[in-house]
Amino acid sequence: MSDTILLSINGPIAKLVLNNPERHNSLGAAELKGLSGALSIIESNSELRVLVITGAGDKTFCGGASLVDMRNGAITGDDFQSVTDQISKLTIPTIAALNGSVFGGGAELALSCDFRIGVEGMILRVPPATMGLCYPISGIETFTRKLGPNISKRLLLAAEKVEGEALVNMGFLDSLVGRDDLPAATQSYAEQLAANAPLSVQGMKKIIDAIVENSLDREEAKVIADQCWNSDDLKEGLSAQKEKREPLFRGR
């Protein structure tokens, strides 16, 4: 990792901070390498149940791939796509806590997460069409899969600037909160996810993603469902419900 990518772990919740606000938290070679390494650490830690990704500062969540590193050949679009794919394929659920505006590939980074919480005053803009560029194909797939073709055309072809409640209405954000409320709102949602049965959460995430990608293996899905049905966590969940207490799930 690098000074511009910070990883912290607090119990079942991991947090990644894009820590380069002077450059709008853009992702160059060092940042992409740091992110990839951190994501590998997170994926290998079976105790983790949620990942939060956010940015430093109060202006920009992420400005996308570093244009400086793109121009000098230090990174390619494939390098950026590799990291966003790594995020989307994580076993545990992910939350993008958008501390500021989102530009270019930063939007794709956010869309690679399962949930997105934004702050009032932020804007979204994806400008490649204004520069004569075609956004990377796998990235276009992400936009279309998450937002649908019409919204994707508005963002990619027209390079619309979107802000406020429109971000929620179009499905880019799940919720919009005051800037000062972002940490608490994110922590609350992360704790809610972490408190649920991990076999259920991770299993259903895998099934939902497979359905969206039109790659569902029903036999594999049945194995996931049967694992939950036969788990100690289900016994704990039913006991907790009967005893009117909070369950303590262990992921087995």
C-alpha atoms as a PDB file:
ATOM      1  CA  MET A   1       0.000   0.000   0.000  1.00  0.00           C
ATOM      2  CA  SER A   2       0.960   3.665  -0.173  1.00  0.00           C
ATOM      3  CA  ASP A   3       0.388   6.829   1.863  1.00  0.00           C
ATOM      4  CA  THR A   4      -2.433   7.651  -0.513  1.00  0.00           C
ATOM      5  CA  ILE A   5      -4.338   4.433   0.249  1.00  0.00           C
ATOM      6  CA  LEU A   6      -5.163   3.816   3.908  1.00  0.00           C
ATOM      7  CA  LEU A   7      -6.573   0.549   5.258  1.00  0.00           C
ATOM      8  CA  SER A   8      -7.986   0.200   8.758  1.00  0.00           C
ATOM      9  CA  ILE A   9      -9.859  -2.673  10.380  1.00  0.00           C
ATOM     10  CA  ASN A  10     -12.217  -2.259  13.330  1.00  0.00           C
ATOM     11  CA  GLY A  11     -13.757  -5.580  14.332  1.00  0.00           C
ATOM     12  CA  PRO A  12     -15.793  -6.920  11.401  1.00  0.00           C
ATOM     13  CA  ILE A  13     -15.622  -3.657   9.426  1.00  0.00           C
ATOM     14  CA  ALA A  14     -12.746  -2.740   7.093  1.00  0.00           C
ATOM     15  CA  LYS A  15     -12.277   0.790   5.789  1.00  0.00           C
ATOM     16  CA  LEU A  16     -10.310   1.986   2.769  1.00  0.00           C
ATOM     17  CA  VAL A  17      -9.582   5.697   2.407  1.00  0.00           C
ATOM     18  CA  LEU A  18      -8.455   7.295  -0.863  1.00  0.00           C
ATOM     19  CA  ASN A  19      -6.012   9.726   0.704  1.00  0.00           C
ATOM     20  CA  ASN A  20      -4.894  12.148  -1.988  1.00  0.00           C
ATOM     21  CA  PRO A  21      -7.334  15.080  -1.774  1.00  0.00           C
ATOM     22  CA  GLU A  22      -4.908  17.501  -3.461  1.00  0.00           C
ATOM     23  CA  ARG A  23      -5.358  15.448  -6.638  1.00  0.00           C
ATOM     24  CA  HIS A  24      -9.057  14.809  -6.087  1.00  0.00           C
ATOM     25  CA  ASN A  25      -8.254  11.294  -4.828  1.00  0.00           C
ATOM     26  CA  SER A  26      -7.464  10.206  -8.382  1.00  0.00           C
ATOM     27  CA  LEU A  27      -5.961   6.773  -8.827  1.00  0.00           C
ATOM     28  CA  GLY A  28      -2.496   6.442 -10.360  1.00  0.00           C
ATOM     29  CA  ALA A  29      -0.135   3.483 -10.481  1.00  0.00           C
ATOM     30  CA  ALA A  30       0.750   3.653  -6.769  1.00  0.00           C
ATOM     31  CA  GLU A  31      -2.873   3.988  -5.696  1.00  0.00           C
ATOM     32  CA  LEU A  32      -4.113   1.140  -7.898  1.00  0.00           C
ATOM     33  CA  LYS A  33      -1.340  -1.116  -6.608  1.00  0.00           C
ATOM     34  CA  GLY A  34      -2.167  -0.109  -3.030  1.00  0.00           C
ATOM     35  CA  LEU A  35      -5.870  -0.722  -3.532  1.00  0.00           C
ATOM     36  CA  SER A  36      -5.281  -4.124  -5.092  1.00  0.00           C
ATOM     37  CA  GLY A  37      -3.039  -5.180  -2.215  1.00  0.00           C
ATOM     38  CA  ALA A  38      -5.493  -3.939   0.394  1.00  0.00           C
ATOM     39  CA  LEU A  39      -8.396  -5.722  -1.308  1.00  0.00           C
ATOM     40  CA  SER A  40      -6.423  -8.965  -1.286  1.00  0.00           C
ATOM     41  CA  ILE A  41      -5.843  -8.570   2.460  1.00  0.00           C
ATOM     42  CA  ILE A  42      -9.549  -7.921   2.991  1.00  0.00           C
ATOM     43  CA  GLU A  43     -10.639 -10.908   0.913  1.00  0.00           C
ATOM     44  CA  SER A  44      -8.312 -13.235   2.829  1.00  0.00           C
ATOM     45  CA  ASN A  45      -9.620 -12.125   6.258  1.00  0.00           C
ATOM     46  CA  SER A  46     -12.551 -14.398   7.092  1.00  0.00           C
ATOM     47  CA  GLU A  47     -13.465 -12.289  10.140  1.00  0.00           C
ATOM     48  CA  LEU A  48     -14.457  -9.275   8.042  1.00  0.00           C
ATOM     49  CA  ARG A  49     -18.086  -8.765   7.125  1.00  0.00           C
ATOM     50  CA  VAL A  50     -18.229  -5.291   5.534  1.00  0.00           C
ATOM     51  CA  LEU A  51     -15.936  -2.953   3.588  1.00  0.00           C
ATOM     52  CA  VAL A  52     -16.369   0.827   3.514  1.00  0.00           C
ATOM     53  CA  ILE A  53     -14.594   2.824   0.801  1.00  0.00           C
ATOM     54  CA  THR A  54     -14.407   6.604   1.164  1.00  0.00           C
ATOM     55  CA  GLY A  55     -12.197   9.549   0.278  1.00  0.00           C
ATOM     56  CA  ALA A  56     -10.181  12.090   2.241  1.00  0.00           C
ATOM     57  CA  GLY A  57     -11.176  15.739   2.225  1.00  0.00           C
ATOM     58  CA  ASP A  58     -14.558  17.321   1.641  1.00  0.00           C
ATOM     59  CA  LYS A  59     -14.514  18.048  -2.078  1.00  0.00           C
ATOM     60  CA  THR A  60     -14.041  14.864  -4.082  1.00  0.00           C
ATOM     61  CA  PHE A  61     -14.610  11.175  -3.439  1.00  0.00           C
ATOM     62  CA  CYS A  62     -12.600  10.145  -6.480  1.00  0.00           C
ATOM     63  CA  GLY A  63     -11.633  11.846  -9.732  1.00  0.00           C
ATOM     64  CA  GLY A  64     -11.099   8.524 -11.506  1.00  0.00           C
ATOM     65  CA  ALA A  65      -7.879   7.318 -13.075  1.00  0.00           C
ATOM     66  CA  SER A  66      -4.905   9.694 -12.935  1.00  0.00           C
ATOM     67  CA  LEU A  67      -4.672  11.442 -16.301  1.00  0.00           C
ATOM     68  CA  VAL A  68      -0.974  12.078 -15.656  1.00  0.00           C
ATOM     69  CA  ASP A  69      -0.273   8.356 -15.274  1.00  0.00           C
ATOM     70  CA  MET A  70      -2.547   7.552 -18.201  1.00  0.00           C
ATOM     71  CA  ARG A  71      -0.664   9.947 -20.476  1.00  0.00           C
ATOM     72  CA  ASN A  72       2.809   8.730 -19.488  1.00  0.00           C
ATOM     73  CA  GLY A  73       1.820   5.083 -19.810  1.00  0.00           C
ATOM     74  CA  ALA A  74       2.216   4.238 -16.112  1.00  0.00           C
ATOM     75  CA  ILE A  75      -1.326   2.837 -16.115  1.00  0.00           C
ATOM     76  CA  THR A  76      -3.905   1.762 -18.664  1.00  0.00           C
ATOM     77  CA  GLY A  77      -7.655   1.472 -18.545  1.00  0.00           C
ATOM     78  CA  ASP A  78      -7.185  -2.239 -17.890  1.00  0.00           C
ATOM     79  CA  ASP A  79      -5.298  -1.498 -14.670  1.00  0.00           C
ATOM     80  CA  PHE A  80      -8.201   0.590 -13.393  1.00  0.00           C
ATOM     81  CA  GLN A  81     -10.757  -1.999 -14.481  1.00  0.00           C
ATOM     82  CA  SER A  82      -8.836  -4.730 -12.704  1.00  0.00           C
ATOM     83  CA  VAL A  83      -9.262  -2.952  -9.372  1.00  0.00           C
ATOM     84  CA  THR A  84     -12.942  -2.140  -9.843  1.00  0.00           C
ATOM     85  CA  ASP A  85     -13.524  -5.781 -10.799  1.00  0.00           C
ATOM     86  CA  GLN A  86     -11.711  -6.812  -7.629  1.00  0.00           C
ATOM     87  CA  ILE A  87     -14.075  -4.655  -5.587  1.00  0.00           C
ATOM     88  CA  SER A  88     -17.220  -5.950  -7.264  1.00  0.00           C
ATOM     89  CA  LYS A  89     -16.129  -9.571  -6.762  1.00  0.00           C
ATOM     90  CA  LEU A  90     -15.456  -9.262  -3.028  1.00  0.00           C
ATOM     91  CA  THR A  91     -17.327 -11.833  -0.985  1.00  0.00           C
ATOM     92  CA  ILE A  92     -18.414  -9.321   1.660  1.00  0.00           C
ATOM     93  CA  PRO A  93     -20.795  -6.412   1.014  1.00  0.00           C
ATOM     94  CA  THR A  94     -19.262  -3.033   0.245  1.00  0.00           C
ATOM     95  CA  ILE A  95     -20.360   0.537   0.944  1.00  0.00           C
ATOM     96  CA  ALA A  96     -19.105   3.590  -0.933  1.00  0.00           C
ATOM     97  CA  ALA A  97     -19.260   6.567   1.434  1.00  0.00           C
ATOM     98  CA  LEU A  98     -19.070   9.438  -1.040  1.00  0.00           C
ATOM     99  CA  ASN A  99     -17.553  12.340   0.888  1.00  0.00           C
ATOM    100  CA  GLY A 100     -17.681  14.630  -2.145  1.00  0.00           C
ATOM    101  CA  SER A 101     -18.147  14.835  -5.894  1.00  0.00           C
ATOM    102  CA  VAL A 102     -17.522  11.936  -8.252  1.00  0.00           C
ATOM    103  CA  PHE A 103     -15.886  12.251 -11.658  1.00  0.00           C
ATOM    104  CA  GLY A 104     -15.080   9.836 -14.462  1.00  0.00           C
ATOM    105  CA  GLY A 105     -13.863   6.485 -13.231  1.00  0.00           C
ATOM    106  CA  GLY A 106     -14.712   7.516  -9.679  1.00  0.00           C
ATOM    107  CA  ALA A 107     -18.332   6.859 -10.617  1.00  0.00           C
ATOM    108  CA  GLU A 108     -17.440   3.363 -11.739  1.00  0.00           C
ATOM    109  CA  LEU A 109     -15.501   2.789  -8.525  1.00  0.00           C
ATOM    110  CA  ALA A 110     -18.618   3.757  -6.562  1.00  0.00           C
ATOM    111  CA  LEU A 111     -20.836   1.585  -8.744  1.00  0.00           C
ATOM    112  CA  SER A 112     -18.553  -1.368  -8.068  1.00  0.00           C
ATOM    113  CA  CYS A 113     -19.725  -1.223  -4.455  1.00  0.00           C
ATOM    114  CA  ASP A 114     -23.013  -2.746  -3.331  1.00  0.00           C
ATOM    115  CA  PHE A 115     -24.292   0.404  -1.601  1.00  0.00           C
ATOM    116  CA  ARG A 116     -23.643   4.130  -2.029  1.00  0.00           C
ATOM    117  CA  ILE A 117     -24.257   6.924   0.483  1.00  0.00           C
ATOM    118  CA  GLY A 118     -23.645  10.460  -0.746  1.00  0.00           C
ATOM    119  CA  VAL A 119     -23.490  13.940   0.742  1.00  0.00           C
ATOM    120  CA  GLU A 120     -25.534  17.005  -0.056  1.00  0.00           C
ATOM    121  CA  GLY A 121     -23.768  19.301  -2.486  1.00  0.00           C
ATOM    122  CA  MET A 122     -21.903  16.559  -4.352  1.00  0.00           C
ATOM    123  CA  ILE A 123     -22.084  16.274  -8.130  1.00  0.00           C
ATOM    124  CA  LEU A 124     -21.577  13.403 -10.550  1.00  0.00           C
ATOM    125  CA  ARG A 125     -20.056  13.827 -13.999  1.00  0.00           C
ATOM    126  CA  VAL A 126     -18.405  11.401 -16.412  1.00  0.00           C
ATOM    127  CA  PRO A 127     -16.673  13.554 -19.087  1.00  0.00           C
ATOM    128  CA  PRO A 128     -14.860  11.246 -21.595  1.00  0.00           C
ATOM    129  CA  ALA A 129     -17.229  12.197 -24.426  1.00  0.00           C
ATOM    130  CA  THR A 130     -16.259  15.856 -23.987  1.00  0.00           C
ATOM    131  CA  MET A 131     -12.626  14.901 -24.684  1.00  0.00           C
ATOM    132  CA  GLY A 132     -13.191  12.510 -27.566  1.00  0.00           C
ATOM    133  CA  LEU A 133     -12.631   9.355 -25.511  1.00  0.00           C
ATOM    134  CA  CYS A 134     -14.661   6.156 -25.401  1.00  0.00           C
ATOM    135  CA  TYR A 135     -15.083   4.948 -21.846  1.00  0.00           C
ATOM    136  CA  PRO A 136     -13.571   1.427 -21.352  1.00  0.00           C
ATOM    137  CA  ILE A 137     -15.964  -1.299 -22.432  1.00  0.00           C
ATOM    138  CA  SER A 138     -16.063  -3.192 -19.142  1.00  0.00           C
ATOM    139  CA  GLY A 139     -16.795   0.120 -17.428  1.00  0.00           C
ATOM    140  CA  ILE A 140     -19.701   0.777 -19.794  1.00  0.00           C
ATOM    141  CA  GLU A 141     -20.969  -2.672 -18.835  1.00  0.00           C
ATOM    142  CA  THR A 142     -20.842  -1.677 -15.161  1.00  0.00           C
ATOM    143  CA  PHE A 143     -22.786   1.549 -15.769  1.00  0.00           C
ATOM    144  CA  THR A 144     -25.404  -0.255 -17.861  1.00  0.00           C
ATOM    145  CA  ARG A 145     -25.756  -3.172 -15.458  1.00  0.00           C
ATOM    146  CA  LYS A 146     -26.164  -0.923 -12.423  1.00  0.00           C
ATOM    147  CA  LEU A 147     -28.072   2.040 -13.861  1.00  0.00           C
ATOM    148  CA  GLY A 148     -29.691   0.770 -17.063  1.00  0.00           C
ATOM    149  CA  PRO A 149     -29.160   1.935 -20.667  1.00  0.00           C
ATOM    150  CA  ASN A 150     -31.024   5.252 -20.527  1.00  0.00           C
ATOM    151  CA  ILE A 151     -29.236   6.628 -17.464  1.00  0.00           C
ATOM    152  CA  SER A 152     -25.924   5.326 -18.814  1.00  0.00           C
ATOM    153  CA  LYS A 153     -26.451   7.227 -22.065  1.00  0.00           C
ATOM    154  CA  ARG A 154     -27.217  10.406 -20.154  1.00  0.00           C
ATOM    155  CA  LEU A 155     -24.019  10.069 -18.139  1.00  0.00           C
ATOM    156  CA  LEU A 156     -21.685   8.783 -20.848  1.00  0.00           C
ATOM    157  CA  LEU A 157     -23.000  10.278 -24.104  1.00  0.00           C
ATOM    158  CA  ALA A 158     -24.371  13.595 -22.875  1.00  0.00           C
ATOM    159  CA  ALA A 159     -21.891  13.892 -19.967  1.00  0.00           C
ATOM    160  CA  GLU A 160     -24.700  15.294 -17.834  1.00  0.00           C
ATOM    161  CA  LYS A 161     -23.853  16.849 -14.493  1.00  0.00           C
ATOM    162  CA  VAL A 162     -26.169  15.363 -11.872  1.00  0.00           C
ATOM    163  CA  GLU A 163     -26.592  16.477  -8.280  1.00  0.00           C
ATOM    164  CA  GLY A 164     -28.870  16.382  -5.252  1.00  0.00           C
ATOM    165  CA  GLU A 165     -31.889  14.110  -5.044  1.00  0.00           C
ATOM    166  CA  ALA A 166     -31.534  13.339  -8.763  1.00  0.00           C
ATOM    167  CA  LEU A 167     -28.641  11.070  -7.794  1.00  0.00           C
ATOM    168  CA  VAL A 168     -31.016   9.061  -5.616  1.00  0.00           C
ATOM    169  CA  ASN A 169     -33.814   9.093  -8.182  1.00  0.00           C
ATOM    170  CA  MET A 170     -31.571   7.707 -10.920  1.00  0.00           C
ATOM    171  CA  GLY A 171     -30.340   4.930  -8.650  1.00  0.00           C
ATOM    172  CA  PHE A 172     -26.745   6.079  -8.341  1.00  0.00           C
ATOM    173  CA  LEU A 173     -27.146   6.775  -4.621  1.00  0.00           C
ATOM    174  CA  ASP A 174     -29.077   4.728  -2.094  1.00  0.00           C
ATOM    175  CA  SER A 175     -29.270   7.712   0.240  1.00  0.00           C
ATOM    176  CA  LEU A 176     -28.184  11.342   0.494  1.00  0.00           C
ATOM    177  CA  VAL A 177     -27.202  12.815   3.857  1.00  0.00           C
ATOM    178  CA  GLY A 178     -25.742  16.016   5.244  1.00  0.00           C
ATOM    179  CA  ARG A 179     -21.965  16.195   5.032  1.00  0.00           C
ATOM    180  CA  ASP A 180     -21.565  16.056   8.803  1.00  0.00           C
ATOM    181  CA  ASP A 181     -23.894  13.061   8.971  1.00  0.00           C
ATOM    182  CA  LEU A 182     -21.942  10.854   6.548  1.00  0.00           C
ATOM    183  CA  PRO A 183     -19.649   9.110   9.079  1.00  0.00           C
ATOM    184  CA  ALA A 184     -22.512   8.178  11.407  1.00  0.00           C
ATOM    185  CA  ALA A 185     -24.828   7.106   8.578  1.00  0.00           C
ATOM    186  CA  THR A 186     -22.104   4.950   7.055  1.00  0.00           C
ATOM    187  CA  GLN A 187     -21.133   3.382  10.385  1.00  0.00           C
ATOM    188  CA  SER A 188     -24.759   2.622  11.205  1.00  0.00           C
ATOM    189  CA  TYR A 189     -25.351   0.891   7.882  1.00  0.00           C
ATOM    190  CA  ALA A 190     -22.062  -1.026   8.103  1.00  0.00           C
ATOM    191  CA  GLU A 191     -22.983  -2.244  11.585  1.00  0.00           C
ATOM    192  CA  GLN A 192     -26.415  -3.290  10.335  1.00  0.00           C
ATOM    193  CA  LEU A 193     -24.823  -5.393   7.596  1.00  0.00           C
ATOM    194  CA  ALA A 194     -22.159  -6.788   9.928  1.00  0.00           C
ATOM    195  CA  ALA A 195     -24.784  -7.867  12.470  1.00  0.00           C
ATOM    196  CA  ASN A 196     -26.617 -10.066   9.959  1.00  0.00           C
ATOM    197  CA  ALA A 197     -25.712 -13.710   9.357  1.00  0.00           C
ATOM    198  CA  PRO A 198     -22.606 -13.705   7.111  1.00  0.00           C
ATOM    199  CA  LEU A 199     -23.474 -16.953   5.332  1.00  0.00           C
ATOM    200  CA  SER A 200     -26.856 -15.484   4.395  1.00  0.00           C
ATOM    201  CA  VAL A 201     -25.507 -12.054   3.426  1.00  0.00           C
ATOM    202  CA  GLN A 202     -22.584 -13.315   1.365  1.00  0.00           C
ATOM    203  CA  GLY A 203     -24.571 -16.150  -0.178  1.00  0.00           C
ATOM    204  CA  MET A 204     -27.423 -13.935  -1.324  1.00  0.00           C
ATOM    205  CA  LYS A 205     -24.983 -11.319  -2.620  1.00  0.00           C
ATOM    206  CA  LYS A 206     -23.375 -14.005  -4.779  1.00  0.00           C
ATOM    207  CA  ILE A 207     -26.734 -15.191  -6.083  1.00  0.00           C
ATOM    208  CA  ILE A 208     -28.002 -11.674  -6.847  1.00  0.00           C
ATOM    209  CA  ASP A 209     -24.808 -10.766  -8.714  1.00  0.00           C
ATOM    210  CA  ALA A 210     -25.023 -13.975 -10.745  1.00  0.00           C
ATOM    211  CA  ILE A 211     -28.640 -13.217 -11.690  1.00  0.00           C
ATOM    212  CA  VAL A 212     -27.708  -9.698 -12.819  1.00  0.00           C
ATOM    213  CA  GLU A 213     -24.809 -11.063 -14.880  1.00  0.00           C
ATOM    214  CA  ASN A 214     -27.055 -13.786 -16.330  1.00  0.00           C
ATOM    215  CA  SER A 215     -24.673 -16.454 -15.029  1.00  0.00           C
ATOM    216  CA  LEU A 216     -26.744 -18.066 -12.286  1.00  0.00           C
ATOM    217  CA  ASP A 217     -25.961 -21.738 -11.667  1.00  0.00           C
ATOM    218  CA  ARG A 218     -29.083 -22.973  -9.900  1.00  0.00           C
ATOM    219  CA  GLU A 219     -27.329 -26.013  -8.475  1.00  0.00           C
ATOM    220  CA  GLU A 220     -24.627 -23.812  -6.996  1.00  0.00           C
ATOM    221  CA  ALA A 221     -27.298 -21.466  -5.649  1.00  0.00           C
ATOM    222  CA  LYS A 222     -29.059 -24.426  -4.022  1.00  0.00           C
ATOM    223  CA  VAL A 223     -25.807 -25.419  -2.298  1.00  0.00           C
ATOM    224  CA  ILE A 224     -25.581 -21.875  -0.887  1.00  0.00           C
ATOM    225  CA  ALA A 225     -29.181 -21.984   0.328  1.00  0.00           C
ATOM    226  CA  ASP A 226     -28.722 -25.450   1.868  1.00  0.00           C
ATOM    227  CA  GLN A 227     -25.578 -24.280   3.669  1.00  0.00           C
ATOM    228  CA  CYS A 228     -27.599 -21.515   5.324  1.00  0.00           C
ATOM    229  CA  TRP A 229     -30.440 -23.908   6.125  1.00  0.00           C
ATOM    230  CA  ASN A 230     -28.076 -26.356   7.858  1.00  0.00           C
ATOM    231  CA  SER A 231     -25.959 -23.725   9.622  1.00  0.00           C
ATOM    232  CA  ASP A 232     -25.440 -23.075  13.314  1.00  0.00           C
ATOM    233  CA  ASP A 233     -26.260 -19.463  12.511  1.00  0.00           C
ATOM    234  CA  LEU A 234     -29.833 -20.404  11.592  1.00  0.00           C
ATOM    235  CA  LYS A 235     -30.224 -22.185  14.926  1.00  0.00           C
ATOM    236  CA  GLU A 236     -28.815 -19.104  16.673  1.00  0.00           C
ATOM    237  CA  GLY A 237     -31.107 -16.781  14.710  1.00  0.00           C
ATOM    238  CA  LEU A 238     -34.213 -18.801  15.597  1.00  0.00           C
ATOM    239  CA  SER A 239     -33.175 -19.057  19.259  1.00  0.00           C
ATOM    240  CA  ALA A 240     -32.522 -15.328  19.437  1.00  0.00           C
ATOM    241  CA  GLN A 241     -35.914 -14.587  17.920  1.00  0.00           C
ATOM    242  CA  LYS A 242     -37.631 -16.872  20.416  1.00  0.00           C
ATOM    243  CA  GLU A 243     -35.691 -15.387  23.338  1.00  0.00           C
ATOM    244  CA  LYS A 244     -36.218 -11.823  22.092  1.00  0.00           C
ATOM    245  CA  ARG A 245     -32.522 -10.951  22.024  1.00  0.00           C
ATOM    246  CA  GLU A 246     -29.964  -9.929  19.416  1.00  0.00           C
ATOM    247  CA  PRO A 247     -28.399 -12.925  17.625  1.00  0.00           C
ATOM    248  CA  LEU A 248     -24.675 -13.568  17.646  1.00  0.00           C
ATOM    249  CA  PHE A 249     -23.748 -15.043  14.274  1.00  0.00           C
ATOM    250  CA  ARG A 250     -20.409 -16.770  13.716  1.00  0.00           C
ATOM    251  CA  GLY A 251     -20.553 -17.606  10.015  1.00  0.00           C
ATOM    252  CA  ARG A 252     -20.907 -21.334  10.358  1.00  0.00           C
END
